Amino acid sequence: MSSGPLDGSAAPKLPGAPSRRRRRPKPPPTTYSGSSGPTIELPAGHAAQVFPVGFSTGFIGESFSMDSLEFMRWAAKRYDSDRFVLVVLFRLMGSQKPGGLIEATHEAVAADLGYSRPHISRVFSVLEADGALRKVQRGVYQLNPAASLRGGLREPRKGEKRRSRAGVGDRVEQLDLLREIMEDPDVPEAFRAMAAPGMRLDVRKGSDGEGKATS
């Protein structure tokens, strides 16, 4: 009889049991992760950017907008003594289509908020005078894209040149919209001023209780 250590260190090692862990299959290659996807050759000195289309499922109602923080601070002080303007402004900000367009009449906004049409018409006049809103045509308004803008894809308006292929909406680009505003002679001066490069909205109140715009 032979003796050996009792801790089993001299016991013959058995071959290991096969692992039950399954390897995750590699996802199929995509345009972004695989080398077999389509490639685009760019001219020398040019770069390309890949970005998601303008929609979201993370927000209530699955839509979102870009809003200037300075504009919201300015509006809170400018309309502090006339807060009904803020009520209508918020309603308009939440009614934008891609590009900041709002398809609504004074009567429709009044009915939605439960106020009379003259109340709504007065507020529209205030916002237009301040450059935050402009009338594009009857029943169509636009919030200043320097202050508030809903992104996404939109169908070109009648007479506009399509930037994308047929069946695909044009992507809204804020700088393109601002450039169009600065070049359009029919845009009201107050609206153009708020959209001008380098515009700053002074959130301090003057003696008349109004904030002042500075460039």
Foldseek 3Di string as FASTA:
>chain_A
DDDDDPVCPPPDDDDDDDDPDDDDDDDDDDLPRDPPHDDDDDPPPDDDDDDDFQWAPPDVVGFDKDFDPLLVLQCCQQCVVPCVLVVLVVVLLVQADAPQKHQAALVRSCVVVVHDSVVSVVSQVVCVVQQQKDDPDHRMIGGQLLGMGTWGFDADDPPDDAPDDPPTGDTDDSVVSLVVLCPDPPRDPNNNQSSDPPKGWASDQDPVSHTDIDD
